[in-house]
Amino acid sequence: MKEIKVLGTGCANCKATITLIEQVASVKATPIKLEKVQEMQDIISYGVMSTPAVVIDGKVVHAGGVPSRDKINSWFSV
């Protein structure tokens, strides 16, 4: 199971990122644990300066803007 955190204050781009991740995980039948991180101090602790950002299994894989569906697909590849 992949542990995924979406870092952001709850803006439209953050919500779109969460929705895309859920859709791709569902299509690929990949179990995920999705967490929203909205506290600014927690976001900064990852070294992220722009949101939305995505952390998978403790590693920042994206920051600043909604990731493309292709990029999200690559996160679920073996």
PDB file of N, CA and C in Angstrom:
ATOM      1  N   MET A   1       0.839  -1.180   0.000  1.00  0.00           N
ATOM      2  CA  MET A   1       0.000   0.000   0.000  1.00  0.00           C
ATOM      3  C   MET A   1       0.881   1.240   0.000  1.00  0.00           C
ATOM      4  N   LYS A   2       0.574   2.150  -0.904  1.00  0.00           N
ATOM      5  CA  LYS A   2       1.327   3.406  -0.961  1.00  0.00           C
ATOM      6  C   LYS A   2       0.713   4.408   0.005  1.00  0.00           C
ATOM      7  N   GLU A   3       1.586   5.073   0.758  1.00  0.00           N
ATOM      8  CA  GLU A   3       1.134   6.144   1.637  1.00  0.00           C
ATOM      9  C   GLU A   3       1.360   7.464   0.916  1.00  0.00           C
ATOM     10  N   ILE A   4       0.270   8.145   0.620  1.00  0.00           N
ATOM     11  CA  ILE A   4       0.328   9.370  -0.161  1.00  0.00           C
ATOM     12  C   ILE A   4      -0.209  10.530   0.671  1.00  0.00           C
ATOM     13  N   LYS A   5       0.539  11.623   0.658  1.00  0.00           N
ATOM     14  CA  LYS A   5       0.109  12.836   1.334  1.00  0.00           C
ATOM     15  C   LYS A   5       0.024  13.945   0.293  1.00  0.00           C
ATOM     16  N   VAL A   6      -1.092  14.656   0.303  1.00  0.00           N
ATOM     17  CA  VAL A   6      -1.243  15.826  -0.551  1.00  0.00           C
ATOM     18  C   VAL A   6      -1.105  17.038   0.362  1.00  0.00           C
ATOM     19  N   LEU A   7      -0.069  17.832   0.102  1.00  0.00           N
ATOM     20  CA  LEU A   7       0.214  19.000   0.917  1.00  0.00           C
ATOM     21  C   LEU A   7      -0.421  20.223   0.275  1.00  0.00           C
ATOM     22  N   GLY A   8      -1.226  20.933   1.045  1.00  0.00           N
ATOM     23  CA  GLY A   8      -1.866  22.136   0.527  1.00  0.00           C
ATOM     24  C   GLY A   8      -2.923  22.639   1.481  1.00  0.00           C
ATOM     25  N   THR A   9      -3.336  23.854   1.271  1.00  0.00           N
ATOM     26  CA  THR A   9      -4.263  24.507   2.192  1.00  0.00           C
ATOM     27  C   THR A   9      -5.725  24.238   1.880  1.00  0.00           C
ATOM     28  N   GLY A  10      -6.007  23.399   0.911  1.00  0.00           N
ATOM     29  CA  GLY A  10      -7.385  23.076   0.587  1.00  0.00           C
ATOM     30  C   GLY A  10      -7.928  23.849  -0.603  1.00  0.00           C
ATOM     31  N   CYS A  11      -7.049  24.422  -1.409  1.00  0.00           N
ATOM     32  CA  CYS A  11      -7.464  25.196  -2.586  1.00  0.00           C
ATOM     33  C   CYS A  11      -8.019  24.257  -3.665  1.00  0.00           C
ATOM     34  N   ALA A  12      -8.554  24.840  -4.709  1.00  0.00           N
ATOM     35  CA  ALA A  12      -9.129  24.053  -5.807  1.00  0.00           C
ATOM     36  C   ALA A  12      -8.099  23.120  -6.442  1.00  0.00           C
ATOM     37  N   ASN A  13      -6.856  23.588  -6.602  1.00  0.00           N
ATOM     38  CA  ASN A  13      -5.809  22.736  -7.184  1.00  0.00           C
ATOM     39  C   ASN A  13      -5.488  21.553  -6.274  1.00  0.00           C
ATOM     40  N   CYS A  14      -5.521  21.770  -4.971  1.00  0.00           N
ATOM     41  CA  CYS A  14      -5.262  20.681  -4.023  1.00  0.00           C
ATOM     42  C   CYS A  14      -6.366  19.626  -4.133  1.00  0.00           C
ATOM     43  N   LYS A  15      -7.603  20.083  -4.212  1.00  0.00           N
ATOM     44  CA  LYS A  15      -8.740  19.158  -4.325  1.00  0.00           C
ATOM     45  C   LYS A  15      -8.688  18.406  -5.649  1.00  0.00           C
ATOM     46  N   ALA A  16      -8.307  19.081  -6.727  1.00  0.00           N
ATOM     47  CA  ALA A  16      -8.185  18.429  -8.031  1.00  0.00           C
ATOM     48  C   ALA A  16      -7.090  17.366  -8.002  1.00  0.00           C
ATOM     49  N   THR A  17      -5.989  17.655  -7.308  1.00  0.00           N
ATOM     50  CA  THR A  17      -4.889  16.699  -7.186  1.00  0.00           C
ATOM     51  C   THR A  17      -5.353  15.446  -6.457  1.00  0.00           C
ATOM     52  N   ILE A  18      -6.073  15.635  -5.365  1.00  0.00           N
ATOM     53  CA  ILE A  18      -6.587  14.491  -4.592  1.00  0.00           C
ATOM     54  C   ILE A  18      -7.515  13.642  -5.457  1.00  0.00           C
ATOM     55  N   THR A  19      -8.417  14.301  -6.175  1.00  0.00           N
ATOM     56  CA  THR A  19      -9.364  13.583  -7.032  1.00  0.00           C
ATOM     57  C   THR A  19      -8.646  12.777  -8.106  1.00  0.00           C
ATOM     58  N   LEU A  20      -7.657  13.384  -8.757  1.00  0.00           N
ATOM     59  CA  LEU A  20      -6.898  12.672  -9.802  1.00  0.00           C
ATOM     60  C   LEU A  20      -6.162  11.462  -9.231  1.00  0.00           C
ATOM     61  N   ILE A  21      -5.537  11.624  -8.091  1.00  0.00           N
ATOM     62  CA  ILE A  21      -4.813  10.508  -7.469  1.00  0.00           C
ATOM     63  C   ILE A  21      -5.778   9.372  -7.141  1.00  0.00           C
ATOM     64  N   GLU A  22      -6.933   9.712  -6.579  1.00  0.00           N
ATOM     65  CA  GLU A  22      -7.927   8.683  -6.254  1.00  0.00           C
ATOM     66  C   GLU A  22      -8.415   7.968  -7.509  1.00  0.00           C
ATOM     67  N   GLN A  23      -8.634   8.714  -8.593  1.00  0.00           N
ATOM     68  CA  GLN A  23      -9.097   8.114  -9.846  1.00  0.00           C
ATOM     69  C   GLN A  23      -8.063   7.156 -10.425  1.00  0.00           C
ATOM     70  N   VAL A  24      -6.819   7.589 -10.491  1.00  0.00           N
ATOM     71  CA  VAL A  24      -5.762   6.746 -11.065  1.00  0.00           C
ATOM     72  C   VAL A  24      -5.537   5.506 -10.209  1.00  0.00           C
ATOM     73  N   ALA A  25      -5.518   5.661  -8.896  1.00  0.00           N
ATOM     74  CA  ALA A  25      -5.333   4.511  -7.995  1.00  0.00           C
ATOM     75  C   ALA A  25      -6.470   3.513  -8.181  1.00  0.00           C
ATOM     76  N   SER A  26      -7.678   4.020  -8.354  1.00  0.00           N
ATOM     77  CA  SER A  26      -8.838   3.149  -8.543  1.00  0.00           C
ATOM     78  C   SER A  26      -8.736   2.374  -9.849  1.00  0.00           C
ATOM     79  N   VAL A  27      -8.392   3.072 -10.929  1.00  0.00           N
ATOM     80  CA  VAL A  27      -8.260   2.424 -12.239  1.00  0.00           C
ATOM     81  C   VAL A  27      -7.170   1.352 -12.203  1.00  0.00           C
ATOM     82  N   LYS A  28      -6.078   1.655 -11.526  1.00  0.00           N
ATOM     83  CA  LYS A  28      -4.955   0.709 -11.462  1.00  0.00           C
ATOM     84  C   LYS A  28      -5.133  -0.321 -10.345  1.00  0.00           C
ATOM     85  N   ALA A  29      -6.236  -0.207  -9.591  1.00  0.00           N
ATOM     86  CA  ALA A  29      -6.523  -1.115  -8.478  1.00  0.00           C
ATOM     87  C   ALA A  29      -5.361  -1.166  -7.489  1.00  0.00           C
ATOM     88  N   THR A  30      -4.792   0.005  -7.220  1.00  0.00           N
ATOM     89  CA  THR A  30      -3.678   0.115  -6.287  1.00  0.00           C
ATOM     90  C   THR A  30      -4.204   0.633  -4.953  1.00  0.00           C
ATOM     91  N   PRO A  31      -4.012  -0.136  -3.879  1.00  0.00           N
ATOM     92  CA  PRO A  31      -4.466   0.362  -2.579  1.00  0.00           C
ATOM     93  C   PRO A  31      -3.579   1.514  -2.102  1.00  0.00           C
ATOM     94  N   ILE A  32      -4.218   2.574  -1.639  1.00  0.00           N
ATOM     95  CA  ILE A  32      -3.479   3.730  -1.147  1.00  0.00           C
ATOM     96  C   ILE A  32      -4.051   4.183   0.182  1.00  0.00           C
ATOM     97  N   LYS A  33      -3.213   4.840   0.939  1.00  0.00           N
ATOM     98  CA  LYS A  33      -3.648   5.545   2.145  1.00  0.00           C
ATOM     99  C   LYS A  33      -3.394   7.012   1.844  1.00  0.00           C
ATOM    100  N   LEU A  34      -4.473   7.772   1.654  1.00  0.00           N
ATOM    101  CA  LEU A  34      -4.366   9.165   1.246  1.00  0.00           C
ATOM    102  C   LEU A  34      -4.629  10.080   2.433  1.00  0.00           C
ATOM    103  N   GLU A  35      -3.709  11.005   2.635  1.00  0.00           N
ATOM    104  CA  GLU A  35      -3.835  11.946   3.738  1.00  0.00           C
ATOM    105  C   GLU A  35      -3.684  13.366   3.210  1.00  0.00           C
ATOM    106  N   LYS A  36      -4.519  14.259   3.705  1.00  0.00           N
ATOM    107  CA  LYS A  36      -4.411  15.678   3.361  1.00  0.00           C
ATOM    108  C   LYS A  36      -3.630  16.361   4.481  1.00  0.00           C
ATOM    109  N   VAL A  37      -2.601  17.103   4.112  1.00  0.00           N
ATOM    110  CA  VAL A  37      -1.804  17.858   5.081  1.00  0.00           C
ATOM    111  C   VAL A  37      -2.046  19.334   4.798  1.00  0.00           C
ATOM    112  N   GLN A  38      -2.716  20.023   5.746  1.00  0.00           N
ATOM    113  CA  GLN A  38      -3.100  21.403   5.511  1.00  0.00           C
ATOM    114  C   GLN A  38      -2.405  22.399   6.429  1.00  0.00           C
ATOM    115  N   GLU A  39      -1.753  21.931   7.464  1.00  0.00           N
ATOM    116  CA  GLU A  39      -1.061  22.846   8.376  1.00  0.00           C
ATOM    117  C   GLU A  39       0.219  23.356   7.723  1.00  0.00           C
ATOM    118  N   MET A  40       0.360  24.670   7.657  1.00  0.00           N
ATOM    119  CA  MET A  40       1.500  25.272   6.962  1.00  0.00           C
ATOM    120  C   MET A  40       2.835  24.799   7.531  1.00  0.00           C
ATOM    121  N   GLN A  41       2.923  24.664   8.842  1.00  0.00           N
ATOM    122  CA  GLN A  41       4.172  24.223   9.462  1.00  0.00           C
ATOM    123  C   GLN A  41       4.545  22.806   9.003  1.00  0.00           C
ATOM    124  N   ASP A  42       3.539  21.939   8.884  1.00  0.00           N
ATOM    125  CA  ASP A  42       3.785  20.575   8.411  1.00  0.00           C
ATOM    126  C   ASP A  42       4.221  20.577   6.947  1.00  0.00           C
ATOM    127  N   ILE A  43       3.594  21.428   6.134  1.00  0.00           N
ATOM    128  CA  ILE A  43       3.948  21.523   4.712  1.00  0.00           C
ATOM    129  C   ILE A  43       5.398  21.989   4.565  1.00  0.00           C
ATOM    130  N   ILE A  44       5.760  23.021   5.309  1.00  0.00           N
ATOM    131  CA  ILE A  44       7.119  23.569   5.244  1.00  0.00           C
ATOM    132  C   ILE A  44       8.154  22.538   5.697  1.00  0.00           C
ATOM    133  N   SER A  45       7.766  21.658   6.623  1.00  0.00           N
ATOM    134  CA  SER A  45       8.706  20.649   7.124  1.00  0.00           C
ATOM    135  C   SER A  45       9.182  19.701   6.025  1.00  0.00           C
ATOM    136  N   TYR A  46       8.428  19.625   4.926  1.00  0.00           N
ATOM    137  CA  TYR A  46       8.845  18.802   3.783  1.00  0.00           C
ATOM    138  C   TYR A  46       9.740  19.570   2.820  1.00  0.00           C
ATOM    139  N   GLY A  47       9.984  20.846   3.108  1.00  0.00           N
ATOM    140  CA  GLY A  47      10.822  21.659   2.235  1.00  0.00           C
ATOM    141  C   GLY A  47      10.087  22.139   1.002  1.00  0.00           C
ATOM    142  N   VAL A  48       8.777  22.096   1.047  1.00  0.00           N
ATOM    143  CA  VAL A  48       7.949  22.485  -0.091  1.00  0.00           C
ATOM    144  C   VAL A  48       7.599  23.966   0.018  1.00  0.00           C
ATOM    145  N   MET A  49       7.801  24.695  -1.066  1.00  0.00           N
ATOM    146  CA  MET A  49       7.506  26.124  -1.070  1.00  0.00           C
ATOM    147  C   MET A  49       6.254  26.459  -1.886  1.00  0.00           C
ATOM    148  N   SER A  50       5.784  25.526  -2.713  1.00  0.00           N
ATOM    149  CA  SER A  50       4.566  25.778  -3.490  1.00  0.00           C
ATOM    150  C   SER A  50       3.674  24.538  -3.456  1.00  0.00           C
ATOM    151  N   THR A  51       2.375  24.789  -3.413  1.00  0.00           N
ATOM    152  CA  THR A  51       1.422  23.698  -3.312  1.00  0.00           C
ATOM    153  C   THR A  51       0.479  23.738  -4.511  1.00  0.00           C
ATOM    154  N   PRO A  52      -0.212  22.656  -4.799  1.00  0.00           N
ATOM    155  CA  PRO A  52      -0.175  21.409  -4.066  1.00  0.00           C
ATOM    156  C   PRO A  52       1.129  20.657  -4.293  1.00  0.00           C
ATOM    157  N   ALA A  53       1.462  19.867  -3.299  1.00  0.00           N
ATOM    158  CA  ALA A  53       2.633  19.002  -3.386  1.00  0.00           C
ATOM    159  C   ALA A  53       2.184  17.590  -3.028  1.00  0.00           C
ATOM    160  N   VAL A  54       2.913  16.608  -3.518  1.00  0.00           N
ATOM    161  CA  VAL A  54       2.570  15.220  -3.265  1.00  0.00           C
ATOM    162  C   VAL A  54       3.787  14.501  -2.686  1.00  0.00           C
ATOM    163  N   VAL A  55       3.545  13.772  -1.602  1.00  0.00           N
ATOM    164  CA  VAL A  55       4.578  12.977  -0.943  1.00  0.00           C
ATOM    165  C   VAL A  55       4.130  11.521  -1.008  1.00  0.00           C
ATOM    166  N   ILE A  56       4.985  10.674  -1.531  1.00  0.00           N
ATOM    167  CA  ILE A  56       4.675   9.241  -1.589  1.00  0.00           C
ATOM    168  C   ILE A  56       5.739   8.489  -0.806  1.00  0.00           C
ATOM    169  N   ASP A  57       5.263   7.737   0.184  1.00  0.00           N
ATOM    170  CA  ASP A  57       6.149   6.952   1.053  1.00  0.00           C
ATOM    171  C   ASP A  57       7.303   7.795   1.589  1.00  0.00           C
ATOM    172  N   GLY A  58       6.993   9.024   1.996  1.00  0.00           N
ATOM    173  CA  GLY A  58       7.967   9.898   2.635  1.00  0.00           C
ATOM    174  C   GLY A  58       8.822  10.734   1.699  1.00  0.00           C
ATOM    175  N   LYS A  59       8.634  10.588   0.373  1.00  0.00           N
ATOM    176  CA  LYS A  59       9.452  11.321  -0.588  1.00  0.00           C
ATOM    177  C   LYS A  59       8.588  12.292  -1.392  1.00  0.00           C
ATOM    178  N   VAL A  60       9.027  13.549  -1.470  1.00  0.00           N
ATOM    179  CA  VAL A  60       8.301  14.547  -2.270  1.00  0.00           C
ATOM    180  C   VAL A  60       8.505  14.203  -3.749  1.00  0.00           C
ATOM    181  N   VAL A  61       7.388  13.964  -4.452  1.00  0.00           N
ATOM    182  CA  VAL A  61       7.472  13.597  -5.867  1.00  0.00           C
ATOM    183  C   VAL A  61       6.926  14.683  -6.787  1.00  0.00           C
ATOM    184  N   HIS A  62       6.266  15.691  -6.188  1.00  0.00           N
ATOM    185  CA  HIS A  62       5.688  16.764  -7.007  1.00  0.00           C
ATOM    186  C   HIS A  62       5.421  17.974  -6.125  1.00  0.00           C
ATOM    187  N   ALA A  63       5.614  19.160  -6.698  1.00  0.00           N
ATOM    188  CA  ALA A  63       5.256  20.398  -5.989  1.00  0.00           C
ATOM    189  C   ALA A  63       4.896  21.477  -6.996  1.00  0.00           C
ATOM    190  N   GLY A  64       3.871  22.246  -6.684  1.00  0.00           N
ATOM    191  CA  GLY A  64       3.492  23.401  -7.499  1.00  0.00           C
ATOM    192  C   GLY A  64       2.598  23.064  -8.659  1.00  0.00           C
ATOM    193  N   GLY A  65       1.307  23.101  -8.463  1.00  0.00           N
ATOM    194  CA  GLY A  65       0.353  22.857  -9.539  1.00  0.00           C
ATOM    195  C   GLY A  65      -0.182  21.447  -9.531  1.00  0.00           C
ATOM    196  N   VAL A  66      -1.233  21.266 -10.308  1.00  0.00           N
ATOM    197  CA  VAL A  66      -1.868  19.957 -10.405  1.00  0.00           C
ATOM    198  C   VAL A  66      -1.016  19.068 -11.310  1.00  0.00           C
ATOM    199  N   PRO A  67      -0.606  17.895 -10.820  1.00  0.00           N
ATOM    200  CA  PRO A  67       0.194  16.997 -11.663  1.00  0.00           C
ATOM    201  C   PRO A  67      -0.662  16.419 -12.795  1.00  0.00           C
ATOM    202  N   SER A  68      -0.028  16.120 -13.903  1.00  0.00           N
ATOM    203  CA  SER A  68      -0.756  15.530 -15.037  1.00  0.00           C
ATOM    204  C   SER A  68      -1.139  14.086 -14.705  1.00  0.00           C
ATOM    205  N   ARG A  69      -2.170  13.616 -15.400  1.00  0.00           N
ATOM    206  CA  ARG A  69      -2.603  12.222 -15.211  1.00  0.00           C
ATOM    207  C   ARG A  69      -1.453  11.269 -15.553  1.00  0.00           C
ATOM    208  N   ASP A  70      -0.671  11.591 -16.601  1.00  0.00           N
ATOM    209  CA  ASP A  70       0.475  10.745 -16.970  1.00  0.00           C
ATOM    210  C   ASP A  70       1.496  10.675 -15.844  1.00  0.00           C
ATOM    211  N   LYS A  71       1.756  11.806 -15.218  1.00  0.00           N
ATOM    212  CA  LYS A  71       2.714  11.822 -14.117  1.00  0.00           C
ATOM    213  C   LYS A  71       2.210  10.969 -12.955  1.00  0.00           C
ATOM    214  N   ILE A  72       0.936  11.113 -12.641  1.00  0.00           N
ATOM    215  CA  ILE A  72       0.351  10.308 -11.561  1.00  0.00           C
ATOM    216  C   ILE A  72       0.416   8.832 -11.908  1.00  0.00           C
ATOM    217  N   ASN A  73       0.129   8.494 -13.151  1.00  0.00           N
ATOM    218  CA  ASN A  73       0.232   7.084 -13.599  1.00  0.00           C
ATOM    219  C   ASN A  73       1.629   6.537 -13.337  1.00  0.00           C
ATOM    220  N   SER A  74       2.646   7.358 -13.580  1.00  0.00           N
ATOM    221  CA  SER A  74       4.022   6.895 -13.396  1.00  0.00           C
ATOM    222  C   SER A  74       4.309   6.566 -11.925  1.00  0.00           C
ATOM    223  N   TRP A  75       3.633   7.251 -11.014  1.00  0.00           N
ATOM    224  CA  TRP A  75       3.839   6.968  -9.593  1.00  0.00           C
ATOM    225  C   TRP A  75       3.332   5.585  -9.206  1.00  0.00           C
ATOM    226  N   PHE A  76       2.376   5.068  -9.955  1.00  0.00           N
ATOM    227  CA  PHE A  76       1.790   3.774  -9.650  1.00  0.00           C
ATOM    228  C   PHE A  76       2.385   2.632 -10.479  1.00  0.00           C
ATOM    229  N   SER A  77       3.367   2.968 -11.302  1.00  0.00           N
ATOM    230  CA  SER A  77       4.061   1.920 -12.069  1.00  0.00           C
ATOM    231  C   SER A  77       5.021   1.202 -11.135  1.00  0.00           C
ATOM    232  N   VAL A  78       5.284  -0.028 -11.457  1.00  0.00           N
ATOM    233  CA  VAL A  78       6.157  -0.835 -10.583  1.00  0.00           C
ATOM    234  C   VAL A  78       7.564  -0.343 -10.571  1.00  0.00           C
TER     235      VAL A  78
END
